[in-house]
Amino acid sequence: MIGIAVSKNGVPIRLTEERWFHIVENHDELAGLSDEVLLAVEDPDFIVNGWTDEFLAVRKINDKYLVAV
């Protein structure tokens, strides 16, 4: 287990090693940023609705935006 973040709607989100490997495998620019991903879930700058029923937690990191689905 890498970590757990509680989303703004009170849902605990677990980031496992297996999920993190899958994320970094497809988004190598996120390597080493697991804490920032968890922070985006727990304390986003803003939240937007996705195309279906998901919420997108958005947090600015330096000059880019990290979007956690």
PDB file of N, CA and C in Angstrom:
ATOM      1  N   MET A   1       0.842  -1.177   0.000  1.00  0.00           N
ATOM      2  CA  MET A   1       0.000   0.000   0.000  1.00  0.00           C
ATOM      3  C   MET A   1       0.888   1.242   0.000  1.00  0.00           C
ATOM      4  N   ILE A   2       0.663   2.103  -0.963  1.00  0.00           N
ATOM      5  CA  ILE A   2       1.423   3.350  -1.026  1.00  0.00           C
ATOM      6  C   ILE A   2       0.791   4.394  -0.131  1.00  0.00           C
ATOM      7  N   GLY A   3      -0.539   4.466  -0.135  1.00  0.00           N
ATOM      8  CA  GLY A   3      -1.205   5.440   0.715  1.00  0.00           C
ATOM      9  C   GLY A   3      -2.703   5.436   0.521  1.00  0.00           C
ATOM     10  N   ILE A   4      -3.368   6.177   1.403  1.00  0.00           N
ATOM     11  CA  ILE A   4      -4.817   6.339   1.344  1.00  0.00           C
ATOM     12  C   ILE A   4      -5.122   7.823   1.432  1.00  0.00           C
ATOM     13  N   ALA A   5      -6.015   8.279   0.578  1.00  0.00           N
ATOM     14  CA  ALA A   5      -6.490   9.662   0.619  1.00  0.00           C
ATOM     15  C   ALA A   5      -8.005   9.612   0.754  1.00  0.00           C
ATOM     16  N   VAL A   6      -8.549  10.527   1.533  1.00  0.00           N
ATOM     17  CA  VAL A   6     -10.000  10.621   1.660  1.00  0.00           C
ATOM     18  C   VAL A   6     -10.462  11.737   0.730  1.00  0.00           C
ATOM     19  N   SER A   7     -11.317  11.379  -0.224  1.00  0.00           N
ATOM     20  CA  SER A   7     -11.789  12.360  -1.209  1.00  0.00           C
ATOM     21  C   SER A   7     -12.693  13.390  -0.546  1.00  0.00           C
ATOM     22  N   LYS A   8     -12.984  14.465  -1.260  1.00  0.00           N
ATOM     23  CA  LYS A   8     -13.834  15.541  -0.741  1.00  0.00           C
ATOM     24  C   LYS A   8     -15.234  15.058  -0.400  1.00  0.00           C
ATOM     25  N   ASN A   9     -15.692  13.970  -1.027  1.00  0.00           N
ATOM     26  CA  ASN A   9     -17.007  13.443  -0.677  1.00  0.00           C
ATOM     27  C   ASN A   9     -16.925  12.313   0.343  1.00  0.00           C
ATOM     28  N   GLY A  10     -15.778  12.215   1.030  1.00  0.00           N
ATOM     29  CA  GLY A  10     -15.630  11.304   2.164  1.00  0.00           C
ATOM     30  C   GLY A  10     -15.301   9.862   1.834  1.00  0.00           C
ATOM     31  N   VAL A  11     -14.948   9.573   0.612  1.00  0.00           N
ATOM     32  CA  VAL A  11     -14.635   8.204   0.203  1.00  0.00           C
ATOM     33  C   VAL A  11     -13.135   7.960   0.328  1.00  0.00           C
ATOM     34  N   PRO A  12     -12.729   6.927   1.097  1.00  0.00           N
ATOM     35  CA  PRO A  12     -11.299   6.615   1.164  1.00  0.00           C
ATOM     36  C   PRO A  12     -10.836   5.977  -0.155  1.00  0.00           C
ATOM     37  N   ILE A  13      -9.743   6.503  -0.694  1.00  0.00           N
ATOM     38  CA  ILE A  13      -9.178   6.016  -1.953  1.00  0.00           C
ATOM     39  C   ILE A  13      -7.814   5.410  -1.645  1.00  0.00           C
ATOM     40  N   ARG A  14      -7.678   4.110  -1.908  1.00  0.00           N
ATOM     41  CA  ARG A  14      -6.418   3.413  -1.656  1.00  0.00           C
ATOM     42  C   ARG A  14      -5.561   3.418  -2.914  1.00  0.00           C
ATOM     43  N   LEU A  15      -4.304   3.773  -2.757  1.00  0.00           N
ATOM     44  CA  LEU A  15      -3.346   3.694  -3.861  1.00  0.00           C
ATOM     45  C   LEU A  15      -2.406   2.534  -3.549  1.00  0.00           C
ATOM     46  N   THR A  16      -2.635   1.411  -4.227  1.00  0.00           N
ATOM     47  CA  THR A  16      -1.813   0.223  -4.010  1.00  0.00           C
ATOM     48  C   THR A  16      -0.593   0.262  -4.928  1.00  0.00           C
ATOM     49  N   GLU A  17       0.373  -0.586  -4.614  1.00  0.00           N
ATOM     50  CA  GLU A  17       1.556  -0.682  -5.462  1.00  0.00           C
ATOM     51  C   GLU A  17       1.175  -1.096  -6.883  1.00  0.00           C
ATOM     52  N   GLU A  18       0.230  -2.036  -6.987  1.00  0.00           N
ATOM     53  CA  GLU A  18      -0.199  -2.518  -8.302  1.00  0.00           C
ATOM     54  C   GLU A  18      -0.817  -1.392  -9.119  1.00  0.00           C
ATOM     55  N   ARG A  19      -1.683  -0.586  -8.525  1.00  0.00           N
ATOM     56  CA  ARG A  19      -2.316   0.546  -9.228  1.00  0.00           C
ATOM     57  C   ARG A  19      -1.276   1.599  -9.583  1.00  0.00           C
ATOM     58  N   TRP A  20      -0.350   1.857  -8.650  1.00  0.00           N
ATOM     59  CA  TRP A  20       0.671   2.868  -8.918  1.00  0.00           C
ATOM     60  C   TRP A  20       1.559   2.438 -10.089  1.00  0.00           C
ATOM     61  N   PHE A  21       1.917   1.151 -10.129  1.00  0.00           N
ATOM     62  CA  PHE A  21       2.715   0.647 -11.245  1.00  0.00           C
ATOM     63  C   PHE A  21       1.966   0.852 -12.561  1.00  0.00           C
ATOM     64  N   HIS A  22       0.677   0.548 -12.563  1.00  0.00           N
ATOM     65  CA  HIS A  22      -0.143   0.729 -13.764  1.00  0.00           C
ATOM     66  C   HIS A  22      -0.185   2.201 -14.185  1.00  0.00           C
ATOM     67  N   ILE A  23      -0.340   3.105 -13.225  1.00  0.00           N
ATOM     68  CA  ILE A  23      -0.385   4.543 -13.521  1.00  0.00           C
ATOM     69  C   ILE A  23       0.936   5.006 -14.130  1.00  0.00           C
ATOM     70  N   VAL A  24       2.037   4.667 -13.474  1.00  0.00           N
ATOM     71  CA  VAL A  24       3.355   5.136 -13.921  1.00  0.00           C
ATOM     72  C   VAL A  24       3.762   4.469 -15.237  1.00  0.00           C
ATOM     73  N   GLU A  25       3.303   3.253 -15.448  1.00  0.00           N
ATOM     74  CA  GLU A  25       3.583   2.561 -16.705  1.00  0.00           C
ATOM     75  C   GLU A  25       2.996   3.336 -17.891  1.00  0.00           C
ATOM     76  N   ASN A  26       1.859   3.955 -17.687  1.00  0.00           N
ATOM     77  CA  ASN A  26       1.190   4.708 -18.754  1.00  0.00           C
ATOM     78  C   ASN A  26       1.443   6.210 -18.698  1.00  0.00           C
ATOM     79  N   HIS A  27       1.936   6.689 -17.557  1.00  0.00           N
ATOM     80  CA  HIS A  27       2.200   8.125 -17.369  1.00  0.00           C
ATOM     81  C   HIS A  27       3.532   8.276 -16.635  1.00  0.00           C
ATOM     82  N   ASP A  28       4.628   8.024 -17.338  1.00  0.00           N
ATOM     83  CA  ASP A  28       5.942   8.025 -16.692  1.00  0.00           C
ATOM     84  C   ASP A  28       6.318   9.375 -16.099  1.00  0.00           C
ATOM     85  N   GLU A  29       5.677  10.452 -16.539  1.00  0.00           N
ATOM     86  CA  GLU A  29       5.956  11.769 -15.967  1.00  0.00           C
ATOM     87  C   GLU A  29       5.497  11.875 -14.509  1.00  0.00           C
ATOM     88  N   LEU A  30       4.698  10.908 -14.038  1.00  0.00           N
ATOM     89  CA  LEU A  30       4.230  10.914 -12.649  1.00  0.00           C
ATOM     90  C   LEU A  30       5.144  10.125 -11.709  1.00  0.00           C
ATOM     91  N   ALA A  31       6.169   9.476 -12.235  1.00  0.00           N
ATOM     92  CA  ALA A  31       7.088   8.713 -11.389  1.00  0.00           C
ATOM     93  C   ALA A  31       7.634   9.606 -10.284  1.00  0.00           C
ATOM     94  N   GLY A  32       7.562   9.131  -9.066  1.00  0.00           N
ATOM     95  CA  GLY A  32       8.043   9.890  -7.918  1.00  0.00           C
ATOM     96  C   GLY A  32       7.042  10.893  -7.371  1.00  0.00           C
ATOM     97  N   LEU A  33       5.845  10.940  -7.936  1.00  0.00           N
ATOM     98  CA  LEU A  33       4.857  11.933  -7.510  1.00  0.00           C
ATOM     99  C   LEU A  33       3.634  11.312  -6.828  1.00  0.00           C
ATOM    100  N   SER A  34       3.790  10.150  -6.217  1.00  0.00           N
ATOM    101  CA  SER A  34       2.634   9.501  -5.583  1.00  0.00           C
ATOM    102  C   SER A  34       2.026  10.368  -4.484  1.00  0.00           C
ATOM    103  N   ASP A  35       2.855  11.069  -3.710  1.00  0.00           N
ATOM    104  CA  ASP A  35       2.316  11.951  -2.665  1.00  0.00           C
ATOM    105  C   ASP A  35       1.471  13.067  -3.267  1.00  0.00           C
ATOM    106  N   GLU A  36       1.898  13.607  -4.400  1.00  0.00           N
ATOM    107  CA  GLU A  36       1.144  14.667  -5.061  1.00  0.00           C
ATOM    108  C   GLU A  36      -0.179  14.148  -5.616  1.00  0.00           C
ATOM    109  N   VAL A  37      -0.185  12.914  -6.103  1.00  0.00           N
ATOM    110  CA  VAL A  37      -1.425  12.314  -6.599  1.00  0.00           C
ATOM    111  C   VAL A  37      -2.411  12.145  -5.447  1.00  0.00           C
ATOM    112  N   LEU A  38      -1.939  11.634  -4.323  1.00  0.00           N
ATOM    113  CA  LEU A  38      -2.812  11.480  -3.155  1.00  0.00           C
ATOM    114  C   LEU A  38      -3.310  12.834  -2.661  1.00  0.00           C
ATOM    115  N   LEU A  39      -2.458  13.839  -2.690  1.00  0.00           N
ATOM    116  CA  LEU A  39      -2.860  15.183  -2.280  1.00  0.00           C
ATOM    117  C   LEU A  39      -3.907  15.758  -3.235  1.00  0.00           C
ATOM    118  N   ALA A  40      -3.783  15.474  -4.515  1.00  0.00           N
ATOM    119  CA  ALA A  40      -4.783  15.938  -5.485  1.00  0.00           C
ATOM    120  C   ALA A  40      -6.150  15.347  -5.175  1.00  0.00           C
ATOM    121  N   VAL A  41      -6.179  14.089  -4.741  1.00  0.00           N
ATOM    122  CA  VAL A  41      -7.443  13.444  -4.374  1.00  0.00           C
ATOM    123  C   VAL A  41      -7.995  14.056  -3.093  1.00  0.00           C
ATOM    124  N   GLU A  42      -7.133  14.246  -2.108  1.00  0.00           N
ATOM    125  CA  GLU A  42      -7.566  14.698  -0.788  1.00  0.00           C
ATOM    126  C   GLU A  42      -7.832  16.202  -0.725  1.00  0.00           C
ATOM    127  N   ASP A  43      -7.055  16.986  -1.443  1.00  0.00           N
ATOM    128  CA  ASP A  43      -7.175  18.445  -1.359  1.00  0.00           C
ATOM    129  C   ASP A  43      -7.004  19.080  -2.744  1.00  0.00           C
ATOM    130  N   PRO A  44      -7.950  18.819  -3.648  1.00  0.00           N
ATOM    131  CA  PRO A  44      -7.823  19.367  -5.003  1.00  0.00           C
ATOM    132  C   PRO A  44      -8.055  20.873  -5.025  1.00  0.00           C
ATOM    133  N   ASP A  45      -7.503  21.522  -6.026  1.00  0.00           N
ATOM    134  CA  ASP A  45      -7.789  22.944  -6.235  1.00  0.00           C
ATOM    135  C   ASP A  45      -9.227  23.119  -6.705  1.00  0.00           C
ATOM    136  N   PHE A  46      -9.690  22.180  -7.518  1.00  0.00           N
ATOM    137  CA  PHE A  46     -11.097  22.171  -7.913  1.00  0.00           C
ATOM    138  C   PHE A  46     -11.473  20.785  -8.419  1.00  0.00           C
ATOM    139  N   ILE A  47     -12.775  20.533  -8.510  1.00  0.00           N
ATOM    140  CA  ILE A  47     -13.309  19.249  -8.957  1.00  0.00           C
ATOM    141  C   ILE A  47     -14.254  19.516 -10.119  1.00  0.00           C
ATOM    142  N   VAL A  48     -14.129  18.706 -11.163  1.00  0.00           N
ATOM    143  CA  VAL A  48     -15.029  18.825 -12.311  1.00  0.00           C
ATOM    144  C   VAL A  48     -15.676  17.471 -12.585  1.00  0.00           C
ATOM    145  N   ASN A  49     -16.812  17.495 -13.248  1.00  0.00           N
ATOM    146  CA  ASN A  49     -17.483  16.261 -13.642  1.00  0.00           C
ATOM    147  C   ASN A  49     -16.813  15.689 -14.874  1.00  0.00           C
ATOM    148  N   GLY A  50     -16.671  14.364 -14.884  1.00  0.00           N
ATOM    149  CA  GLY A  50     -16.119  13.687 -16.048  1.00  0.00           C
ATOM    150  C   GLY A  50     -17.203  13.447 -17.088  1.00  0.00           C
ATOM    151  N   TRP A  51     -16.879  12.654 -18.106  1.00  0.00           N
ATOM    152  CA  TRP A  51     -17.828  12.377 -19.181  1.00  0.00           C
ATOM    153  C   TRP A  51     -18.965  11.485 -18.721  1.00  0.00           C
ATOM    154  N   THR A  52     -18.694  10.608 -17.759  1.00  0.00           N
ATOM    155  CA  THR A  52     -19.768   9.742 -17.250  1.00  0.00           C
ATOM    156  C   THR A  52     -20.089  10.172 -15.825  1.00  0.00           C
ATOM    157  N   ASP A  53     -20.009   9.277 -14.859  1.00  0.00           N
ATOM    158  CA  ASP A  53     -20.370   9.620 -13.481  1.00  0.00           C
ATOM    159  C   ASP A  53     -19.172   9.918 -12.591  1.00  0.00           C
ATOM    160  N   GLU A  54     -17.969   9.956 -13.150  1.00  0.00           N
ATOM    161  CA  GLU A  54     -16.788  10.164 -12.328  1.00  0.00           C
ATOM    162  C   GLU A  54     -16.540  11.649 -12.059  1.00  0.00           C
ATOM    163  N   PHE A  55     -15.793  11.898 -10.992  1.00  0.00           N
ATOM    164  CA  PHE A  55     -15.335  13.243 -10.662  1.00  0.00           C
ATOM    165  C   PHE A  55     -13.842  13.313 -10.952  1.00  0.00           C
ATOM    166  N   LEU A  56     -13.376  14.464 -11.410  1.00  0.00           N
ATOM    167  CA  LEU A  56     -11.964  14.674 -11.691  1.00  0.00           C
ATOM    168  C   LEU A  56     -11.423  15.683 -10.694  1.00  0.00           C
ATOM    169  N   ALA A  57     -10.495  15.240  -9.862  1.00  0.00           N
ATOM    170  CA  ALA A  57      -9.860  16.119  -8.883  1.00  0.00           C
ATOM    171  C   ALA A  57      -8.636  16.742  -9.544  1.00  0.00           C
ATOM    172  N   VAL A  58      -8.571  18.057  -9.545  1.00  0.00           N
ATOM    173  CA  VAL A  58      -7.517  18.779 -10.264  1.00  0.00           C
ATOM    174  C   VAL A  58      -6.692  19.592  -9.278  1.00  0.00           C
ATOM    175  N   ARG A  59      -5.384  19.469  -9.379  1.00  0.00           N
ATOM    176  CA  ARG A  59      -4.484  20.232  -8.512  1.00  0.00           C
ATOM    177  C   ARG A  59      -3.311  20.734  -9.346  1.00  0.00           C
ATOM    178  N   LYS A  60      -2.986  22.004  -9.177  1.00  0.00           N
ATOM    179  CA  LYS A  60      -1.856  22.587  -9.906  1.00  0.00           C
ATOM    180  C   LYS A  60      -0.558  22.229  -9.192  1.00  0.00           C
ATOM    181  N   ILE A  61       0.385  21.725  -9.972  1.00  0.00           N
ATOM    182  CA  ILE A  61       1.714  21.394  -9.466  1.00  0.00           C
ATOM    183  C   ILE A  61       2.707  22.099 -10.371  1.00  0.00           C
ATOM    184  N   ASN A  62       3.380  23.084  -9.808  1.00  0.00           N
ATOM    185  CA  ASN A  62       4.279  23.938 -10.583  1.00  0.00           C
ATOM    186  C   ASN A  62       3.503  24.599 -11.718  1.00  0.00           C
ATOM    187  N   ASP A  63       3.874  24.339 -12.959  1.00  0.00           N
ATOM    188  CA  ASP A  63       3.194  24.990 -14.082  1.00  0.00           C
ATOM    189  C   ASP A  63       2.253  24.046 -14.830  1.00  0.00           C
ATOM    190  N   LYS A  64       1.916  22.900 -14.203  1.00  0.00           N
ATOM    191  CA  LYS A  64       1.046  21.915 -14.844  1.00  0.00           C
ATOM    192  C   LYS A  64      -0.095  21.548 -13.906  1.00  0.00           C
ATOM    193  N   TYR A  65      -1.094  20.900 -14.459  1.00  0.00           N
ATOM    194  CA  TYR A  65      -2.225  20.434 -13.668  1.00  0.00           C
ATOM    195  C   TYR A  65      -2.218  18.918 -13.614  1.00  0.00           C
ATOM    196  N   LEU A  66      -2.394  18.384 -12.407  1.00  0.00           N
ATOM    197  CA  LEU A  66      -2.514  16.953 -12.209  1.00  0.00           C
ATOM    198  C   LEU A  66      -3.999  16.655 -12.063  1.00  0.00           C
ATOM    199  N   VAL A  67      -4.499  15.700 -12.834  1.00  0.00           N
ATOM    200  CA  VAL A  67      -5.910  15.329 -12.788  1.00  0.00           C
ATOM    201  C   VAL A  67      -6.005  13.890 -12.306  1.00  0.00           C
ATOM    202  N   ALA A  68      -6.680  13.695 -11.179  1.00  0.00           N
ATOM    203  CA  ALA A  68      -6.894  12.355 -10.632  1.00  0.00           C
ATOM    204  C   ALA A  68      -8.346  11.973 -10.878  1.00  0.00           C
ATOM    205  N   VAL A  69      -8.544  10.807 -11.476  1.00  0.00           N
ATOM    206  CA  VAL A  69      -9.899  10.343 -11.796  1.00  0.00           C
ATOM    207  C   VAL A  69     -10.363   9.405 -10.707  1.00  0.00           C
TER     208      VAL A  69
END
